Amino acid sequence: MCDAAARDLYAVLGASPSDSVQQLRHRYQQLALQYHPDRLRGQRSSEGSRFVEVEAAWRVLSDQNTRRQYDLQRRAQELKQDWPVDSAVYLEDMTWDQEECVYTYCCRCGGGFSISEEETRKSQQEDEEEEAKAGQHRGVLVCCDTCSLTVYVTWSLNGKT
């Protein structure tokens, strides 16, 4: 599925992420008929490669689990590209809110950044699964609740929170 992430699979099908599986199936069927190699005999080979691309997009988006995984990867990529990171903040420097079970950090606009303990635990587990090198830092992007600023909340992999 890594190769599929290079191109927006929804765009390949001419669909949107909010479309249902039935809507995606309809778009896939239309495009499969249009670009199927049997219909394109003697025509450009680029049309045949378009069919392969449509087929690959449908394979990922038709299955609930692979679609969810693709959507998560797509969202992570959008966050990396669309949000300018204002600064990096160590999790240890954030304030722990026992009542809400979240770490918080004040934004210069007067708003705040917050990340739940569950989100940090999940990210740390993912980092451990990747078997990252000791001493390396990992983290997540967190958006301000009132403005467009984003901070990169990071923590040391060898130090647990």
Protein backbone atom coordinates (compact mmCIF):
# COMPACT_ATOMS: atom_id res chain seq x y z
CA MET A 1 0.00 0.00 0.00
CA CYS A 2 3.02 2.29 0.19
CA ASP A 3 3.05 2.72 -3.59
CA ALA A 4 -0.63 3.64 -3.51
CA ALA A 5 0.05 6.42 -1.02
CA ALA A 6 2.17 8.25 -3.61
CA ARG A 7 -1.01 9.16 -5.51
CA ASP A 8 -4.37 10.13 -4.01
CA LEU A 9 -6.50 7.01 -4.52
CA TYR A 10 -9.72 8.98 -4.24
CA ALA A 11 -8.57 11.25 -7.06
CA VAL A 12 -7.75 8.18 -9.18
CA LEU A 13 -11.40 7.13 -8.89
CA GLY A 14 -12.71 10.69 -9.18
CA ALA A 15 -14.25 10.34 -5.72
CA SER A 16 -13.98 11.90 -2.30
CA PRO A 17 -13.14 10.41 1.12
CA SER A 18 -16.73 10.92 2.24
CA ASP A 19 -18.11 8.68 -0.53
CA SER A 20 -19.68 5.39 0.47
CA VAL A 21 -18.36 2.04 -0.73
CA GLN A 22 -21.31 1.87 -3.16
CA GLN A 23 -20.38 5.25 -4.64
CA LEU A 24 -16.75 4.17 -4.93
CA ARG A 25 -17.84 0.92 -6.60
CA HIS A 26 -19.90 2.87 -9.12
CA ARG A 27 -16.93 5.14 -10.00
CA TYR A 28 -14.64 2.12 -10.22
CA GLN A 29 -17.01 0.27 -12.57
CA GLN A 30 -17.34 3.32 -14.84
CA LEU A 31 -13.58 3.77 -15.05
CA ALA A 32 -12.87 0.04 -15.42
CA LEU A 33 -15.19 -0.09 -18.42
CA GLN A 34 -13.65 3.04 -19.88
CA TYR A 35 -10.00 1.97 -19.50
CA HIS A 36 -10.20 -1.84 -19.69
CA PRO A 37 -7.45 -3.20 -22.01
CA ASP A 38 -9.95 -5.25 -24.04
CA ARG A 39 -11.76 -2.05 -25.03
CA LEU A 40 -8.52 -0.27 -25.87
CA ARG A 41 -6.87 -2.70 -28.29
CA GLY A 42 -4.42 -0.87 -30.47
CA GLN A 43 -4.69 2.36 -28.50
CA ARG A 44 -2.09 4.02 -26.33
CA SER A 45 -0.49 1.90 -23.62
CA SER A 46 -0.89 4.79 -21.15
CA GLU A 47 -4.62 4.04 -21.15
CA GLY A 48 -3.85 0.47 -20.08
CA SER A 49 -1.70 1.71 -17.22
CA ARG A 50 -4.61 3.93 -16.19
CA PHE A 51 -6.70 0.75 -15.79
CA VAL A 52 -4.03 -0.76 -13.54
CA GLU A 53 -4.04 2.40 -11.44
CA VAL A 54 -7.85 2.36 -11.14
CA GLU A 55 -7.76 -1.34 -10.21
CA ALA A 56 -5.13 -0.72 -7.50
CA ALA A 57 -7.12 2.19 -6.03
CA TRP A 58 -10.27 0.07 -5.90
CA ARG A 59 -8.43 -2.80 -4.21
CA VAL A 60 -7.39 -0.53 -1.34
CA LEU A 61 -10.58 1.52 -1.00
CA SER A 62 -13.05 -1.36 -1.33
CA ASP A 63 -11.87 -3.11 1.85
CA GLN A 64 -12.88 -1.43 5.11
CA ASN A 65 -9.59 -2.17 6.90
CA THR A 66 -7.23 -1.13 4.10
CA ARG A 67 -9.34 1.98 3.45
CA ARG A 68 -9.15 2.98 7.12
CA GLN A 69 -5.38 2.45 7.11
CA TYR A 70 -5.02 4.45 3.89
CA ASP A 71 -7.18 7.28 5.29
CA LEU A 72 -4.99 7.45 8.40
CA GLN A 73 -1.82 7.61 6.31
CA ARG A 74 -3.39 10.23 4.07
CA ARG A 75 -4.43 12.35 7.07
CA ALA A 76 -0.96 12.12 8.59
CA GLN A 77 0.56 13.27 5.30
CA GLU A 78 -1.91 16.18 5.09
CA LEU A 79 -0.94 17.29 8.59
CA LYS A 80 2.72 17.23 7.67
CA GLN A 81 2.11 19.36 4.57
CA ASP A 82 -0.66 21.75 5.54
CA TRP A 83 0.23 22.88 9.03
CA PRO A 84 3.28 25.00 9.63
CA VAL A 85 4.97 23.79 12.79
CA ASP A 86 5.55 26.71 15.13
CA SER A 87 7.86 24.92 17.53
CA ALA A 88 8.75 21.65 19.18
CA VAL A 89 7.57 21.02 22.73
CA TYR A 90 8.74 18.22 25.01
CA LEU A 91 5.92 16.26 26.58
CA GLU A 92 7.68 16.67 29.92
CA ASP A 93 7.31 20.48 29.59
CA MET A 94 3.54 20.26 29.14
CA THR A 95 1.12 20.52 32.06
CA TRP A 96 -0.71 17.35 33.08
CA ASP A 97 -4.45 17.90 33.66
CA GLN A 98 -5.50 15.04 35.96
CA GLU A 99 -9.21 15.84 35.63
CA GLU A 100 -9.24 15.80 31.81
CA CYS A 101 -6.42 13.22 31.46
CA VAL A 102 -4.61 15.38 28.90
CA TYR A 103 -1.31 17.18 28.59
CA THR A 104 -1.75 20.90 27.84
CA TYR A 105 0.50 23.72 26.65
CA CYS A 106 -0.41 27.40 26.20
CA CYS A 107 -0.32 28.94 22.73
CA ARG A 108 0.86 32.51 22.18
CA CYS A 109 -2.64 33.38 20.87
CA GLY A 110 -4.16 32.60 24.27
CA GLY A 111 -5.52 29.23 23.18
CA GLY A 112 -3.92 25.93 23.93
CA PHE A 113 -2.52 22.67 22.66
CA SER A 114 -3.69 19.44 24.22
CA ILE A 115 -2.92 15.79 23.72
CA SER A 116 -4.49 12.93 25.61
CA GLU A 117 -2.53 10.34 27.52
CA GLU A 118 -4.09 7.71 25.24
CA GLU A 119 -2.74 9.46 22.12
CA THR A 120 0.76 9.65 23.54
CA ARG A 121 0.64 6.02 24.68
CA LYS A 122 -0.54 4.91 21.23
CA SER A 123 2.19 6.90 19.49
CA GLN A 124 4.82 5.52 21.85
CA GLN A 125 3.65 1.96 21.15
CA GLU A 126 3.91 2.61 17.41
CA ASP A 127 7.43 3.94 17.94
CA GLU A 128 8.40 0.83 19.90
CA GLU A 129 6.97 -1.38 17.16
CA GLU A 130 9.27 0.38 14.69
CA GLU A 131 12.16 -0.53 17.00
CA ALA A 132 13.62 2.95 16.88
CA LYS A 133 17.18 3.54 18.01
CA ALA A 134 17.85 4.53 21.62
CA GLY A 135 18.19 8.25 22.20
CA GLN A 136 15.97 9.11 19.26
CA HIS A 137 13.00 11.45 19.70
CA ARG A 138 9.52 10.90 18.31
CA GLY A 139 6.26 12.75 18.59
CA VAL A 140 3.04 13.99 17.07
CA LEU A 141 1.69 17.22 15.62
CA VAL A 142 -0.85 19.01 17.81
CA CYS A 143 -2.98 21.93 16.60
CA CYS A 144 -3.98 24.91 18.72
CA ASP A 145 -7.64 24.91 19.70
CA THR A 146 -8.13 28.55 18.61
CA CYS A 147 -5.59 29.45 15.92
CA SER A 148 -3.76 27.76 13.06
CA LEU A 149 -0.46 27.18 14.87
CA THR A 150 0.83 23.67 15.36
CA VAL A 151 3.49 22.32 17.69
CA TYR A 152 5.40 19.09 17.43
CA VAL A 153 5.04 17.36 20.79
CA THR A 154 8.03 15.09 21.23
CA TRP A 155 9.45 12.71 23.79
CA SER A 156 12.52 10.58 24.19
CA LEU A 157 11.99 6.95 23.25
CA ASN A 158 14.14 5.68 26.07
CA GLY A 159 12.25 7.75 28.66
CA LYS A 160 8.68 6.72 29.38
CA THR A 161 6.03 9.20 30.51
